[in-house]
Amino acid sequence: MQNKDVQSAHLLGFGLDNDDGHKRITQAEEFSIVGGSQDTHERMTETVIKTFEDIKNKGETLRTIEPQHLSDLIQKNSPA
């Protein structure tokens, strides 16, 4: 079920394993990644970028994609 009433959508990711004191923030039009160690932050950013590529290739947007389908794409694009 698509929610056509949503005017905007933004994906927000938090990395919670930062122990080096650095503040990491990556922002784009439809997502923000905040925190995490360097490795975690990079992996989260890569995952989200690949996920948005898949969303676009399927003719969807973050506004129109089903939550379960988004979750499946994130899982698919997460590094092992």
Protein backbone atom coordinates (compact mmCIF):
# COMPACT_ATOMS: atom_id res chain seq x y z
CA MET A 1 0.00 0.00 0.00
CA GLN A 2 1.55 3.25 -1.12
CA ASN A 3 1.08 6.36 0.94
CA LYS A 4 0.39 9.09 -1.62
CA ASP A 5 -0.23 11.67 1.13
CA VAL A 6 3.42 11.83 2.16
CA GLN A 7 4.89 15.10 0.90
CA SER A 8 8.53 14.26 1.58
CA ALA A 9 10.60 11.37 2.82
CA HIS A 10 14.08 11.17 4.30
CA LEU A 11 16.07 8.12 5.40
CA LEU A 12 18.10 8.63 8.58
CA GLY A 13 20.84 6.27 9.73
CA PHE A 14 22.68 6.35 13.06
CA GLY A 15 26.01 4.67 13.75
CA LEU A 16 26.44 3.98 17.44
CA ASP A 17 29.95 2.52 17.62
CA ASN A 18 32.06 5.69 17.50
CA ASP A 19 34.93 5.53 19.97
CA ASP A 20 37.45 7.81 18.25
CA GLY A 21 35.82 11.17 19.03
CA HIS A 22 35.18 12.12 15.40
CA LYS A 23 31.79 13.49 14.38
CA ARG A 24 30.74 12.03 11.04
CA ILE A 25 27.80 13.31 9.03
CA THR A 26 26.95 12.46 5.43
CA GLN A 27 23.95 14.20 3.94
CA ALA A 28 22.17 13.96 0.61
CA GLU A 29 18.77 15.05 -0.63
CA GLU A 30 16.96 11.94 0.63
CA PHE A 31 19.22 10.57 3.37
CA SER A 32 21.50 11.45 6.26
CA ILE A 33 24.03 9.20 8.00
CA VAL A 34 25.18 10.35 11.43
CA GLY A 35 27.88 8.97 13.70
CA GLY A 36 29.58 5.63 13.80
CA SER A 37 33.20 4.62 13.48
CA GLN A 38 34.88 5.37 10.16
CA ASP A 39 34.23 1.81 8.95
CA THR A 40 30.60 1.76 10.07
CA HIS A 41 29.88 5.18 8.60
CA GLU A 42 31.40 4.22 5.25
CA ARG A 43 29.49 0.92 5.12
CA MET A 44 26.20 2.60 6.01
CA THR A 45 26.74 5.29 3.37
CA GLU A 46 27.62 2.69 0.71
CA THR A 47 24.55 0.65 1.62
CA VAL A 48 22.22 3.63 1.33
CA ILE A 49 23.72 4.83 -1.96
CA LYS A 50 23.31 1.35 -3.51
CA THR A 51 19.78 1.14 -2.12
CA PHE A 52 18.82 4.46 -3.71
CA GLU A 53 20.30 3.30 -7.03
CA ASP A 54 18.08 0.20 -6.85
CA ILE A 55 15.03 2.30 -5.95
CA LYS A 56 15.65 4.58 -8.93
CA ASN A 57 16.29 1.64 -11.29
CA LYS A 58 12.92 0.16 -10.29
CA GLY A 59 11.17 3.45 -11.10
CA GLU A 60 10.34 4.09 -7.45
CA THR A 61 11.13 6.89 -5.02
CA LEU A 62 11.59 6.90 -1.28
CA ARG A 63 8.10 8.40 -1.10
CA THR A 64 6.48 5.59 -3.11
CA ILE A 65 8.39 2.45 -2.16
CA GLU A 66 6.73 0.00 0.19
CA PRO A 67 8.45 -0.13 3.61
CA GLN A 68 9.03 -3.90 3.35
CA HIS A 69 10.56 -3.52 -0.12
CA LEU A 70 12.85 -0.76 1.21
CA SER A 71 13.88 -3.00 4.08
CA ASP A 72 14.61 -5.85 1.65
CA LEU A 73 16.78 -3.58 -0.52
CA ILE A 74 18.74 -2.33 2.49
CA GLN A 75 19.35 -5.91 3.59
CA LYS A 76 20.43 -6.87 0.05
CA ASN A 77 22.85 -3.95 -0.19
CA SER A 78 24.38 -4.31 3.29
CA PRO A 79 27.95 -5.60 3.25
CA ALA A 80 28.34 -9.07 4.71
